[in-house]
């Protein structure tokens, strides 16, 4: 159960942070320093 919960939580968090990459790119590209 610990493995399954960790897979869901840490895996989900990794995916969430990974998907912020394009958001950061857009932010840097469209917003002046």
ModelCIF file with pLDDT and N, C-alpha, C, O atoms, coordinates in Angstrom:
data_MODEL
#
_entry.id   MODEL 
#
_entity.id                         1 
_entity.type                       polymer 
_entity.pdbx_number_of_molecules   1 
#
_entity_poly.entity_id                      1 
_entity_poly.type                           'polypeptide(L)' 
_entity_poly.nstd_linkage                   no 
_entity_poly.nstd_monomer                   no 
_entity_poly.pdbx_seq_one_letter_code       
;(UNK)(UNK)(UNK)(UNK)(UNK)(UNK)(UNK)(UNK)(UNK)(UNK)(UNK)(UNK)(UNK)(UNK)(UNK)(UNK)
(UNK)(UNK)(UNK)(UNK)(UNK)(UNK)(UNK)(UNK)(UNK)(UNK)(UNK)(UNK)(UNK)(UNK)(UNK)(UNK)
(UNK)
;
_entity_poly.pdbx_seq_one_letter_code_can   XXXXXXXXXXXXXXXXXXXXXXXXXXXXXXXXX 
_entity_poly.pdbx_strand_id                 A 
#
loop_
_entity_poly_seq.entity_id 
_entity_poly_seq.num 
_entity_poly_seq.mon_id 
_entity_poly_seq.hetero 
1 1  UNK n 
1 2  UNK n 
1 3  UNK n 
1 4  UNK n 
1 5  UNK n 
1 6  UNK n 
1 7  UNK n 
1 8  UNK n 
1 9  UNK n 
1 10 UNK n 
1 11 UNK n 
1 12 UNK n 
1 13 UNK n 
1 14 UNK n 
1 15 UNK n 
1 16 UNK n 
1 17 UNK n 
1 18 UNK n 
1 19 UNK n 
1 20 UNK n 
1 21 UNK n 
1 22 UNK n 
1 23 UNK n 
1 24 UNK n 
1 25 UNK n 
1 26 UNK n 
1 27 UNK n 
1 28 UNK n 
1 29 UNK n 
1 30 UNK n 
1 31 UNK n 
1 32 UNK n 
1 33 UNK n 
#
_struct_asym.id          A 
_struct_asym.entity_id   1 
#
loop_
_ma_qa_metric.id 
_ma_qa_metric.mode 
_ma_qa_metric.name 
_ma_qa_metric.software_group_id 
_ma_qa_metric.type 
1 global pLDDT . pLDDT 
2 local  pLDDT . pLDDT 
#
_ma_qa_metric_global.metric_id      1 
_ma_qa_metric_global.metric_value   94.70 
_ma_qa_metric_global.model_id       1 
_ma_qa_metric_global.ordinal_id     1 
#
loop_
_ma_qa_metric_local.label_asym_id 
_ma_qa_metric_local.label_comp_id 
_ma_qa_metric_local.label_seq_id 
_ma_qa_metric_local.metric_id 
_ma_qa_metric_local.metric_value 
_ma_qa_metric_local.model_id 
_ma_qa_metric_local.ordinal_id 
A UNK 1  2 95.00 1 1  
A UNK 2  2 94.00 1 2  
A UNK 3  2 96.00 1 3  
A UNK 4  2 97.00 1 4  
A UNK 5  2 97.00 1 5  
A UNK 6  2 96.00 1 6  
A UNK 7  2 97.00 1 7  
A UNK 8  2 97.00 1 8  
A UNK 9  2 96.00 1 9  
A UNK 10 2 96.00 1 10 
A UNK 11 2 96.00 1 11 
A UNK 12 2 97.00 1 12 
A UNK 13 2 97.00 1 13 
A UNK 14 2 97.00 1 14 
A UNK 15 2 97.00 1 15 
A UNK 16 2 97.00 1 16 
A UNK 17 2 97.00 1 17 
A UNK 18 2 96.00 1 18 
A UNK 19 2 96.00 1 19 
A UNK 20 2 95.00 1 20 
A UNK 21 2 95.00 1 21 
A UNK 22 2 95.00 1 22 
A UNK 23 2 94.00 1 23 
A UNK 24 2 94.00 1 24 
A UNK 25 2 94.00 1 25 
A UNK 26 2 93.00 1 26 
A UNK 27 2 93.00 1 27 
A UNK 28 2 92.00 1 28 
A UNK 29 2 92.00 1 29 
A UNK 30 2 91.00 1 30 
A UNK 31 2 89.00 1 31 
A UNK 32 2 89.00 1 32 
A UNK 33 2 88.00 1 33 
#
loop_
_atom_site.group_PDB 
_atom_site.id 
_atom_site.type_symbol 
_atom_site.label_atom_id 
_atom_site.label_alt_id 
_atom_site.label_comp_id 
_atom_site.label_asym_id 
_atom_site.label_entity_id 
_atom_site.label_seq_id 
_atom_site.pdbx_PDB_ins_code 
_atom_site.Cartn_x 
_atom_site.Cartn_y 
_atom_site.Cartn_z 
_atom_site.occupancy 
_atom_site.B_iso_or_equiv 
_atom_site.pdbx_formal_charge 
_atom_site.auth_seq_id 
_atom_site.auth_comp_id 
_atom_site.auth_asym_id 
_atom_site.auth_atom_id 
_atom_site.pdbx_PDB_model_num 
ATOM 1   N N  . UNK A 1 1  ? 0.818  -1.219 0.000   1.00 95.00 ? 1  UNK A N  1 
ATOM 2   C CA . UNK A 1 1  ? 0.000  0.000  0.000   1.00 95.00 ? 1  UNK A CA 1 
ATOM 3   C C  . UNK A 1 1  ? 0.843  1.258  0.000   1.00 95.00 ? 1  UNK A C  1 
ATOM 4   O O  . UNK A 1 1  ? 0.515  2.235  -0.672  1.00 95.00 ? 1  UNK A O  1 
ATOM 5   N N  . UNK A 1 2  ? 1.935  1.232  0.757   1.00 94.00 ? 2  UNK A N  1 
ATOM 6   C CA . UNK A 1 2  ? 2.849  2.377  0.789   1.00 94.00 ? 2  UNK A CA 1 
ATOM 7   C C  . UNK A 1 2  ? 3.410  2.639  -0.612  1.00 94.00 ? 2  UNK A C  1 
ATOM 8   O O  . UNK A 1 2  ? 3.503  3.786  -1.049  1.00 94.00 ? 2  UNK A O  1 
ATOM 9   N N  . UNK A 1 3  ? 3.781  1.563  -1.305  1.00 96.00 ? 3  UNK A N  1 
ATOM 10  C CA . UNK A 1 3  ? 4.315  1.719  -2.664  1.00 96.00 ? 3  UNK A CA 1 
ATOM 11  C C  . UNK A 1 3  ? 3.258  2.314  -3.591  1.00 96.00 ? 3  UNK A C  1 
ATOM 12  O O  . UNK A 1 3  ? 3.546  3.242  -4.347  1.00 96.00 ? 3  UNK A O  1 
ATOM 13  N N  . UNK A 1 4  ? 2.043  1.787  -3.537  1.00 97.00 ? 4  UNK A N  1 
ATOM 14  C CA . UNK A 1 4  ? 0.978  2.290  -4.414  1.00 97.00 ? 4  UNK A CA 1 
ATOM 15  C C  . UNK A 1 4  ? 0.674  3.754  -4.124  1.00 97.00 ? 4  UNK A C  1 
ATOM 16  O O  . UNK A 1 4  ? 0.551  4.557  -5.049  1.00 97.00 ? 4  UNK A O  1 
ATOM 17  N N  . UNK A 1 5  ? 0.552  4.105  -2.847  1.00 97.00 ? 5  UNK A N  1 
ATOM 18  C CA . UNK A 1 5  ? 0.258  5.496  -2.479  1.00 97.00 ? 5  UNK A CA 1 
ATOM 19  C C  . UNK A 1 5  ? 1.396  6.410  -2.918  1.00 97.00 ? 5  UNK A C  1 
ATOM 20  O O  . UNK A 1 5  ? 1.150  7.498  -3.441  1.00 97.00 ? 5  UNK A O  1 
ATOM 21  N N  . UNK A 1 6  ? 2.631  5.981  -2.712  1.00 96.00 ? 6  UNK A N  1 
ATOM 22  C CA . UNK A 1 6  ? 3.778  6.794  -3.130  1.00 96.00 ? 6  UNK A CA 1 
ATOM 23  C C  . UNK A 1 6  ? 3.826  6.938  -4.639  1.00 96.00 ? 6  UNK A C  1 
ATOM 24  O O  . UNK A 1 6  ? 4.125  8.012  -5.161  1.00 96.00 ? 6  UNK A O  1 
ATOM 25  N N  . UNK A 1 7  ? 3.530  5.852  -5.334  1.00 97.00 ? 7  UNK A N  1 
ATOM 26  C CA . UNK A 1 7  ? 3.513  5.922  -6.798  1.00 97.00 ? 7  UNK A CA 1 
ATOM 27  C C  . UNK A 1 7  ? 2.486  6.943  -7.269  1.00 97.00 ? 7  UNK A C  1 
ATOM 28  O O  . UNK A 1 7  ? 2.757  7.736  -8.171  1.00 97.00 ? 7  UNK A O  1 
ATOM 29  N N  . UNK A 1 8  ? 1.320  6.920  -6.664  1.00 97.00 ? 8  UNK A N  1 
ATOM 30  C CA . UNK A 1 8  ? 0.277  7.874  -7.041  1.00 97.00 ? 8  UNK A CA 1 
ATOM 31  C C  . UNK A 1 8  ? 0.654  9.303  -6.652  1.00 97.00 ? 8  UNK A C  1 
ATOM 32  O O  . UNK A 1 8  ? 0.515  10.226 -7.455  1.00 97.00 ? 8  UNK A O  1 
ATOM 33  N N  . UNK A 1 9  ? 1.127  9.483  -5.423  1.00 96.00 ? 9  UNK A N  1 
ATOM 34  C CA . UNK A 1 9  ? 1.405  10.846 -4.956  1.00 96.00 ? 9  UNK A CA 1 
ATOM 35  C C  . UNK A 1 9  ? 2.689  11.410 -5.570  1.00 96.00 ? 9  UNK A C  1 
ATOM 36  O O  . UNK A 1 9  ? 2.659  12.448 -6.231  1.00 96.00 ? 9  UNK A O  1 
ATOM 37  N N  . UNK A 1 10 ? 3.814  10.728 -5.352  1.00 96.00 ? 10 UNK A N  1 
ATOM 38  C CA . UNK A 1 10 ? 5.075  11.261 -5.873  1.00 96.00 ? 10 UNK A CA 1 
ATOM 39  C C  . UNK A 1 10 ? 5.073  11.248 -7.396  1.00 96.00 ? 10 UNK A C  1 
ATOM 40  O O  . UNK A 1 10 ? 5.579  12.176 -8.026  1.00 96.00 ? 10 UNK A O  1 
ATOM 41  N N  . UNK A 1 11 ? 4.508  10.205 -7.990  1.00 96.00 ? 11 UNK A N  1 
ATOM 42  C CA . UNK A 1 11 ? 4.407  10.171 -9.455  1.00 96.00 ? 11 UNK A CA 1 
ATOM 43  C C  . UNK A 1 11 ? 3.528  11.299 -9.972  1.00 96.00 ? 11 UNK A C  1 
ATOM 44  O O  . UNK A 1 11 ? 3.855  11.947 -10.966 1.00 96.00 ? 11 UNK A O  1 
ATOM 45  N N  . UNK A 1 12 ? 2.416  11.528 -9.295  1.00 97.00 ? 12 UNK A N  1 
ATOM 46  C CA . UNK A 1 12 ? 1.530  12.631 -9.683  1.00 97.00 ? 12 UNK A CA 1 
ATOM 47  C C  . UNK A 1 12 ? 2.189  13.986 -9.511  1.00 97.00 ? 12 UNK A C  1 
ATOM 48  O O  . UNK A 1 12 ? 2.033  14.871 -10.353 1.00 97.00 ? 12 UNK A O  1 
ATOM 49  N N  . UNK A 1 13 ? 2.930  14.150 -8.416  1.00 97.00 ? 13 UNK A N  1 
ATOM 50  C CA . UNK A 1 13 ? 3.632  15.419 -8.198  1.00 97.00 ? 13 UNK A CA 1 
ATOM 51  C C  . UNK A 1 13 ? 4.724  15.627 -9.244  1.00 97.00 ? 13 UNK A C  1 
ATOM 52  O O  . UNK A 1 13 ? 4.918  16.744 -9.722  1.00 97.00 ? 13 UNK A O  1 
ATOM 53  N N  . UNK A 1 14 ? 5.433  14.566 -9.600  1.00 97.00 ? 14 UNK A N  1 
ATOM 54  C CA . UNK A 1 14 ? 6.467  14.675 -10.630 1.00 97.00 ? 14 UNK A CA 1 
ATOM 55  C C  . UNK A 1 14 ? 5.841  15.103 -11.953 1.00 97.00 ? 14 UNK A C  1 
ATOM 56  O O  . UNK A 1 14 ? 6.369  15.971 -12.648 1.00 97.00 ? 14 UNK A O  1 
ATOM 57  N N  . UNK A 1 15 ? 4.730  14.497 -12.287 1.00 97.00 ? 15 UNK A N  1 
ATOM 58  C CA . UNK A 1 15 ? 4.029  14.868 -13.519 1.00 97.00 ? 15 UNK A CA 1 
ATOM 59  C C  . UNK A 1 15 ? 3.540  16.315 -13.451 1.00 97.00 ? 15 UNK A C  1 
ATOM 60  O O  . UNK A 1 15 ? 3.660  17.061 -14.423 1.00 97.00 ? 15 UNK A O  1 
ATOM 61  N N  . UNK A 1 16 ? 2.994  16.704 -12.313 1.00 97.00 ? 16 UNK A N  1 
ATOM 62  C CA . UNK A 1 16 ? 2.519  18.079 -12.136 1.00 97.00 ? 16 UNK A CA 1 
ATOM 63  C C  . UNK A 1 16 ? 3.657  19.082 -12.347 1.00 97.00 ? 16 UNK A C  1 
ATOM 64  O O  . UNK A 1 16 ? 3.504  20.043 -13.100 1.00 97.00 ? 16 UNK A O  1 
ATOM 65  N N  . UNK A 1 17 ? 4.790  18.862 -11.687 1.00 97.00 ? 17 UNK A N  1 
ATOM 66  C CA . UNK A 1 17 ? 5.907  19.800 -11.835 1.00 97.00 ? 17 UNK A CA 1 
ATOM 67  C C  . UNK A 1 17 ? 6.468  19.762 -13.255 1.00 97.00 ? 17 UNK A C  1 
ATOM 68  O O  . UNK A 1 17 ? 6.835  20.799 -13.806 1.00 97.00 ? 17 UNK A O  1 
ATOM 69  N N  . UNK A 1 18 ? 6.534  18.591 -13.836 1.00 96.00 ? 18 UNK A N  1 
ATOM 70  C CA . UNK A 1 18 ? 7.050  18.468 -15.204 1.00 96.00 ? 18 UNK A CA 1 
ATOM 71  C C  . UNK A 1 18 ? 6.194  19.263 -16.174 1.00 96.00 ? 18 UNK A C  1 
ATOM 72  O O  . UNK A 1 18 ? 6.711  19.868 -17.113 1.00 96.00 ? 18 UNK A O  1 
ATOM 73  N N  . UNK A 1 19 ? 4.898  19.264 -15.951 1.00 96.00 ? 19 UNK A N  1 
ATOM 74  C CA . UNK A 1 19 ? 3.981  20.004 -16.833 1.00 96.00 ? 19 UNK A CA 1 
ATOM 75  C C  . UNK A 1 19 ? 4.049  21.510 -16.625 1.00 96.00 ? 19 UNK A C  1 
ATOM 76  O O  . UNK A 1 19 ? 3.440  22.256 -17.392 1.00 96.00 ? 19 UNK A O  1 
ATOM 77  N N  . UNK A 1 20 ? 4.756  21.968 -15.631 1.00 95.00 ? 20 UNK A N  1 
ATOM 78  C CA . UNK A 1 20 ? 4.943  23.411 -15.451 1.00 95.00 ? 20 UNK A CA 1 
ATOM 79  C C  . UNK A 1 20 ? 6.036  23.948 -16.374 1.00 95.00 ? 20 UNK A C  1 
ATOM 80  O O  . UNK A 1 20 ? 6.173  25.162 -16.523 1.00 95.00 ? 20 UNK A O  1 
ATOM 81  N N  . UNK A 1 21 ? 6.809  23.068 -16.989 1.00 95.00 ? 21 UNK A N  1 
ATOM 82  C CA . UNK A 1 21 ? 7.888  23.494 -17.888 1.00 95.00 ? 21 UNK A CA 1 
ATOM 83  C C  . UNK A 1 21 ? 7.412  24.419 -18.999 1.00 95.00 ? 21 UNK A C  1 
ATOM 84  O O  . UNK A 1 21 ? 7.979  25.499 -19.165 1.00 95.00 ? 21 UNK A O  1 
ATOM 85  N N  . UNK A 1 22 ? 6.384  24.037 -19.773 1.00 95.00 ? 22 UNK A N  1 
ATOM 86  C CA . UNK A 1 22 ? 5.887  24.944 -20.813 1.00 95.00 ? 22 UNK A CA 1 
ATOM 87  C C  . UNK A 1 22 ? 5.323  26.256 -20.256 1.00 95.00 ? 22 UNK A C  1 
ATOM 88  O O  . UNK A 1 22 ? 5.387  27.294 -20.914 1.00 95.00 ? 22 UNK A O  1 
ATOM 89  N N  . UNK A 1 23 ? 4.780  26.202 -19.058 1.00 94.00 ? 23 UNK A N  1 
ATOM 90  C CA . UNK A 1 23 ? 4.252  27.421 -18.427 1.00 94.00 ? 23 UNK A CA 1 
ATOM 91  C C  . UNK A 1 23 ? 5.403  28.381 -18.127 1.00 94.00 ? 23 UNK A C  1 
ATOM 92  O O  . UNK A 1 23 ? 5.290  29.586 -18.351 1.00 94.00 ? 23 UNK A O  1 
ATOM 93  N N  . UNK A 1 24 ? 6.521  27.832 -17.613 1.00 94.00 ? 24 UNK A N  1 
ATOM 94  C CA . UNK A 1 24 ? 7.697  28.663 -17.343 1.00 94.00 ? 24 UNK A CA 1 
ATOM 95  C C  . UNK A 1 24 ? 8.243  29.235 -18.648 1.00 94.00 ? 24 UNK A C  1 
ATOM 96  O O  . UNK A 1 24 ? 8.590  30.414 -18.716 1.00 94.00 ? 24 UNK A O  1 
ATOM 97  N N  . UNK A 1 25 ? 8.317  28.399 -19.683 1.00 94.00 ? 25 UNK A N  1 
ATOM 98  C CA . UNK A 1 25 ? 8.816  28.877 -20.982 1.00 94.00 ? 25 UNK A CA 1 
ATOM 99  C C  . UNK A 1 25 ? 7.971  30.031 -21.503 1.00 94.00 ? 25 UNK A C  1 
ATOM 100 O O  . UNK A 1 25 ? 8.502  31.042 -21.962 1.00 94.00 ? 25 UNK A O  1 
ATOM 101 N N  . UNK A 1 26 ? 6.673  29.876 -21.430 1.00 93.00 ? 26 UNK A N  1 
ATOM 102 C CA . UNK A 1 26 ? 5.771  30.940 -21.903 1.00 93.00 ? 26 UNK A CA 1 
ATOM 103 C C  . UNK A 1 26 ? 5.936  32.196 -21.058 1.00 93.00 ? 26 UNK A C  1 
ATOM 104 O O  . UNK A 1 26 ? 5.963  33.307 -21.587 1.00 93.00 ? 26 UNK A O  1 
ATOM 105 N N  . UNK A 1 27 ? 6.045  32.020 -19.758 1.00 93.00 ? 27 UNK A N  1 
ATOM 106 C CA . UNK A 1 27 ? 6.209  33.158 -18.845 1.00 93.00 ? 27 UNK A CA 1 
ATOM 107 C C  . UNK A 1 27 ? 7.477  33.937 -19.185 1.00 93.00 ? 27 UNK A C  1 
ATOM 108 O O  . UNK A 1 27 ? 7.454  35.166 -19.254 1.00 93.00 ? 27 UNK A O  1 
ATOM 109 N N  . UNK A 1 28 ? 8.563  33.234 -19.393 1.00 92.00 ? 28 UNK A N  1 
ATOM 110 C CA . UNK A 1 28 ? 9.839  33.888 -19.710 1.00 92.00 ? 28 UNK A CA 1 
ATOM 111 C C  . UNK A 1 28 ? 9.779  34.542 -21.085 1.00 92.00 ? 28 UNK A C  1 
ATOM 112 O O  . UNK A 1 28 ? 10.321 35.629 -21.285 1.00 92.00 ? 28 UNK A O  1 
ATOM 113 N N  . UNK A 1 29 ? 9.122  33.883 -22.025 1.00 92.00 ? 29 UNK A N  1 
ATOM 114 C CA . UNK A 1 29 ? 9.034  34.393 -23.394 1.00 92.00 ? 29 UNK A CA 1 
ATOM 115 C C  . UNK A 1 29 ? 8.143  35.635 -23.501 1.00 92.00 ? 29 UNK A C  1 
ATOM 116 O O  . UNK A 1 29 ? 8.460  36.557 -24.252 1.00 92.00 ? 29 UNK A O  1 
ATOM 117 N N  . UNK A 1 30 ? 7.026  35.666 -22.754 1.00 91.00 ? 30 UNK A N  1 
ATOM 118 C CA . UNK A 1 30 ? 6.028  36.717 -22.943 1.00 91.00 ? 30 UNK A CA 1 
ATOM 119 C C  . UNK A 1 30 ? 6.084  37.842 -21.918 1.00 91.00 ? 30 UNK A C  1 
ATOM 120 O O  . UNK A 1 30 ? 5.464  38.887 -22.116 1.00 91.00 ? 30 UNK A O  1 
ATOM 121 N N  . UNK A 1 31 ? 6.814  37.645 -20.835 1.00 89.00 ? 31 UNK A N  1 
ATOM 122 C CA . UNK A 1 31 ? 6.846  38.668 -19.777 1.00 89.00 ? 31 UNK A CA 1 
ATOM 123 C C  . UNK A 1 31 ? 8.240  39.284 -19.731 1.00 89.00 ? 31 UNK A C  1 
ATOM 124 O O  . UNK A 1 31 ? 9.236  38.570 -19.610 1.00 89.00 ? 31 UNK A O  1 
ATOM 125 N N  . UNK A 1 32 ? 8.309  40.607 -19.828 1.00 89.00 ? 32 UNK A N  1 
ATOM 126 C CA . UNK A 1 32 ? 9.628  41.262 -19.759 1.00 89.00 ? 32 UNK A CA 1 
ATOM 127 C C  . UNK A 1 32 ? 10.294 40.996 -18.401 1.00 89.00 ? 32 UNK A C  1 
ATOM 128 O O  . UNK A 1 32 ? 9.626  40.801 -17.385 1.00 89.00 ? 32 UNK A O  1 
ATOM 129 N N  . UNK A 1 33 ? 11.598 40.995 -18.420 1.00 88.00 ? 33 UNK A N  1 
ATOM 130 C CA . UNK A 1 33 ? 12.358 40.688 -17.206 1.00 88.00 ? 33 UNK A CA 1 
ATOM 131 C C  . UNK A 1 33 ? 12.028 41.662 -16.078 1.00 88.00 ? 33 UNK A C  1 
ATOM 132 O O  . UNK A 1 33 ? 12.580 41.548 -14.983 1.00 88.00 ? 33 UNK A O  1 
#
